[in-house]
């Protein structure tokens, strides 16, 4: 835009110079007017290369930030465009919706979800667990037939683990997880209320 303004000013200065020369030829003007007009033309003309160089530097800087080669954005950034009008008011939403997008609230919410999930893991540890185990091997009285198919032996079957003698430890772990979940819930509530007050005060 500055380059366009400079070019328009150059055209105006050249027109003024032409009129000053015409007046000087007709004897209606002084030679100093022509000299001043010519100096004005040269001064404006000298500004254009500096502005073009500055434009190239800015375009290359933006291209570098976007991992593009030099001059790749000239077609897009080289043409002056009208600046879009800003809305009269930025639609940021109600304070509660704005506060929930804060990183501190998201972190507290994630901790609360994790603590709640730990309670489910602690409750599941009270129930028996079933695993499928298996072994494969070779057995033969003749070492020459050890690696043959008829010497292959395998065994597979389930195993059940019942936490009979770990009741005290499991109960204590469950109570600990419940306490941690309550602590996370209180911290989440405090974080939400603090953020909500900050947003309401600033809005």
Protein backbone atom coordinates (compact mmCIF):
# COMPACT_ATOMS: atom_id res chain seq x y z
CA UNK A 1 0.00 0.00 0.00
CA UNK A 2 2.87 2.39 0.74
CA UNK A 3 4.37 1.62 -2.66
CA UNK A 4 1.05 2.36 -4.35
CA UNK A 5 0.76 5.66 -2.47
CA UNK A 6 4.32 6.56 -3.46
CA UNK A 7 3.57 5.82 -7.13
CA UNK A 8 0.42 7.95 -6.99
CA UNK A 9 2.40 10.77 -5.36
CA UNK A 10 5.03 10.45 -8.08
CA UNK A 11 2.39 10.86 -10.77
CA UNK A 12 1.06 13.97 -9.04
CA UNK A 13 4.58 15.41 -8.67
CA UNK A 14 5.33 14.73 -12.34
CA UNK A 15 2.12 16.52 -13.31
CA UNK A 16 3.11 19.49 -11.13
CA UNK A 17 6.55 19.52 -12.77
CA UNK A 18 5.03 19.48 -16.24
CA UNK A 19 2.75 22.39 -15.44
CA UNK A 20 5.64 24.32 -13.89
CA UNK A 21 7.69 23.80 -17.05
CA UNK A 22 4.79 24.97 -19.23
CA UNK A 23 4.39 28.12 -17.12
CA UNK A 24 8.13 28.78 -17.28
CA UNK A 25 8.11 28.46 -21.08
CA UNK A 26 5.22 30.91 -21.32
CA UNK A 27 7.00 33.28 -18.94
CA UNK A 28 4.31 33.02 -16.29
CA UNK A 29 6.49 31.19 -13.79
CA UNK A 30 9.99 31.34 -12.35
CA UNK A 31 12.75 28.81 -12.89
CA UNK A 32 12.92 28.10 -9.16
CA UNK A 33 9.43 26.61 -9.35
CA UNK A 34 10.60 24.13 -11.95
CA UNK A 35 13.65 23.22 -9.87
CA UNK A 36 11.54 22.65 -6.77
CA UNK A 37 9.06 20.51 -8.68
CA UNK A 38 11.87 18.46 -10.24
CA UNK A 39 13.47 17.93 -6.83
CA UNK A 40 10.14 16.76 -5.46
CA UNK A 41 9.83 14.23 -8.29
CA UNK A 42 13.30 12.84 -7.68
CA UNK A 43 12.74 12.65 -3.93
CA UNK A 44 9.55 10.60 -4.36
CA UNK A 45 11.13 8.41 -7.04
CA UNK A 46 14.03 7.61 -4.70
CA UNK A 47 11.61 6.34 -2.02
CA UNK A 48 10.09 3.63 -4.20
CA UNK A 49 13.14 1.27 -4.43
CA UNK A 50 13.57 1.37 -0.64
CA UNK A 51 9.90 0.50 -0.14
CA UNK A 52 10.13 -2.33 -2.68
CA UNK A 53 13.18 -3.72 -0.88
CA UNK A 54 11.36 -3.52 2.45
CA UNK A 55 8.38 -5.32 0.91
CA UNK A 56 10.65 -8.11 -0.31
CA UNK A 57 12.21 -8.47 3.14
CA UNK A 58 8.82 -8.75 4.82
CA UNK A 59 7.53 -11.28 2.29
CA UNK A 60 10.66 -13.40 2.68
CA UNK A 61 10.38 -13.21 6.48
CA UNK A 62 6.80 -14.50 6.38
CA UNK A 63 7.82 -17.18 3.86
CA UNK A 64 10.57 -18.34 6.21
CA UNK A 65 8.12 -18.64 9.11
CA UNK A 66 5.85 -20.80 6.92
CA UNK A 67 8.76 -22.92 5.65
CA UNK A 68 8.40 -21.57 2.11
CA UNK A 69 11.15 -20.52 -0.32
CA UNK A 70 11.91 -16.81 -0.79
CA UNK A 71 9.29 -15.04 -2.87
CA UNK A 72 6.78 -17.89 -2.67
CA UNK A 73 4.14 -15.63 -1.13
CA UNK A 74 4.70 -12.61 -3.36
CA UNK A 75 1.57 -13.27 -5.41
CA UNK A 76 -0.50 -13.41 -2.24
CA UNK A 77 1.16 -10.72 -0.14
CA UNK A 78 2.34 -8.40 -2.88
CA UNK A 79 -1.14 -7.17 -3.79
CA UNK A 80 -2.63 -4.69 -1.34
CA UNK A 81 -5.99 -5.79 -0.02
CA UNK A 82 -8.66 -4.04 1.94
CA UNK A 83 -8.47 -4.62 5.67
CA UNK A 84 -11.61 -6.51 6.78
CA UNK A 85 -13.88 -4.71 9.18
CA UNK A 86 -13.73 -5.96 12.74
CA UNK A 87 -16.99 -7.03 14.39
CA UNK A 88 -18.42 -4.50 16.87
CA UNK A 89 -17.90 -7.03 19.68
CA UNK A 90 -15.88 -10.21 19.80
CA UNK A 91 -18.22 -13.17 20.49
CA UNK A 92 -16.30 -14.86 23.32
CA UNK A 93 -19.31 -16.60 24.86
CA UNK A 94 -20.62 -16.57 28.40
CA UNK A 95 -18.06 -16.47 31.23
CA UNK A 96 -18.58 -20.13 32.21
CA UNK A 97 -17.85 -21.37 28.66
CA UNK A 98 -14.83 -19.10 28.40
CA UNK A 99 -13.47 -20.24 31.76
CA UNK A 100 -13.74 -23.92 30.88
CA UNK A 101 -11.30 -23.45 27.99
CA UNK A 102 -8.57 -22.31 30.39
CA UNK A 103 -5.55 -24.63 30.71
CA UNK A 104 -5.71 -24.73 34.51
CA UNK A 105 -9.32 -25.92 34.45
CA UNK A 106 -8.56 -28.52 31.80
CA UNK A 107 -5.65 -29.82 33.90
CA UNK A 108 -7.79 -30.03 37.06
CA UNK A 109 -10.55 -31.80 35.13
CA UNK A 110 -8.07 -34.33 33.74
CA UNK A 111 -6.76 -35.05 37.26
CA UNK A 112 -10.31 -35.61 38.49
CA UNK A 113 -11.00 -38.06 35.65
CA UNK A 114 -7.77 -39.94 36.40
CA UNK A 115 -8.58 -40.18 40.12
CA UNK A 116 -12.08 -41.48 39.33
CA UNK A 117 -10.62 -44.11 37.01
CA UNK A 118 -8.22 -45.22 39.77
CA UNK A 119 -11.24 -46.03 41.96
CA UNK A 120 -12.54 -48.37 39.26
CA UNK A 121 -9.17 -50.10 39.10
CA UNK A 122 -9.13 -50.51 42.88
CA UNK A 123 -12.65 -51.99 42.88
CA UNK A 124 -11.75 -54.41 40.07
CA UNK A 125 -8.83 -55.76 42.12
CA UNK A 126 -11.35 -57.35 44.55
CA UNK A 127 -12.60 -59.73 41.86
CA UNK A 128 -10.87 -62.92 40.69
CA UNK A 129 -8.68 -62.71 37.61
CA UNK A 130 -8.58 -65.41 34.97
CA UNK A 131 -5.55 -65.97 32.76
CA UNK A 132 -4.95 -68.42 29.93
CA UNK A 133 -1.54 -70.09 30.29
CA UNK A 134 0.22 -72.51 27.97
CA UNK A 135 3.52 -74.29 27.50
CA UNK A 136 5.06 -76.00 24.47
CA UNK A 137 8.06 -78.37 24.45
CA UNK A 138 9.62 -81.58 23.15
CA UNK A 139 9.92 -84.89 25.08
CA UNK A 140 11.38 -88.17 23.85
CA UNK A 141 13.38 -91.06 25.26
CA UNK A 142 15.43 -91.15 22.08
CA UNK A 143 17.46 -88.01 21.50
CA UNK A 144 17.37 -88.62 17.76
CA UNK A 145 13.59 -88.30 17.75
CA UNK A 146 13.54 -85.25 20.05
CA UNK A 147 12.91 -82.70 17.30
CA UNK A 148 10.30 -84.74 15.47
CA UNK A 149 6.63 -83.79 15.38
CA UNK A 150 5.52 -86.81 17.45
CA UNK A 151 7.76 -85.59 20.31
CA UNK A 152 5.92 -82.28 20.53
CA UNK A 153 4.07 -81.77 23.80
CA UNK A 154 1.94 -78.83 24.80
CA UNK A 155 -0.30 -77.87 27.65
CA UNK A 156 -2.84 -75.07 27.89
CA UNK A 157 -5.35 -74.12 30.49
CA UNK A 158 -6.78 -71.28 32.52
CA UNK A 159 -5.48 -70.07 35.86
CA UNK A 160 -7.65 -68.30 38.39
CA UNK A 161 -6.26 -65.87 40.95
CA UNK A 162 -8.54 -65.11 43.88
CA UNK A 163 -7.46 -62.31 46.27
CA UNK A 164 -8.45 -64.12 49.46
CA UNK A 165 -5.61 -63.09 51.79
CA UNK A 166 -5.16 -59.52 50.49
CA UNK A 167 -8.41 -58.03 51.74
CA UNK A 168 -6.81 -55.52 54.06
CA UNK A 169 -4.42 -54.19 51.46
CA UNK A 170 -7.12 -53.95 48.79
CA UNK A 171 -9.51 -52.18 51.16
CA UNK A 172 -6.87 -49.66 52.18
CA UNK A 173 -5.99 -49.02 48.54
CA UNK A 174 -9.64 -48.43 47.69
CA UNK A 175 -10.06 -45.98 50.56
CA UNK A 176 -6.91 -44.16 49.46
CA UNK A 177 -8.18 -43.87 45.88
CA UNK A 178 -11.52 -42.52 47.14
CA UNK A 179 -9.73 -39.92 49.24
CA UNK A 180 -7.59 -38.89 46.27
CA UNK A 181 -10.70 -38.59 44.10
CA UNK A 182 -12.38 -36.36 46.70
CA UNK A 183 -9.25 -34.21 46.92
CA UNK A 184 -9.15 -33.89 43.12
CA UNK A 185 -12.85 -32.95 43.07
CA UNK A 186 -12.31 -30.21 45.67
CA UNK A 187 -9.30 -28.88 43.76
CA UNK A 188 -11.31 -28.90 40.53
CA UNK A 189 -14.13 -26.96 42.16
CA UNK A 190 -11.71 -24.40 43.60
CA UNK A 191 -10.00 -23.96 40.22
CA UNK A 192 -13.32 -23.47 38.43
CA UNK A 193 -14.59 -20.94 40.94
CA UNK A 194 -11.32 -18.98 40.89
CA UNK A 195 -11.25 -18.90 37.08
CA UNK A 196 -14.92 -17.98 36.88
CA UNK A 197 -14.42 -15.02 39.20
CA UNK A 198 -11.41 -13.84 37.15
CA UNK A 199 -13.35 -14.04 33.89
CA UNK A 200 -16.41 -12.31 35.35
CA UNK A 201 -14.26 -9.52 36.78
CA UNK A 202 -12.46 -8.86 33.48
CA UNK A 203 -15.48 -9.15 31.17
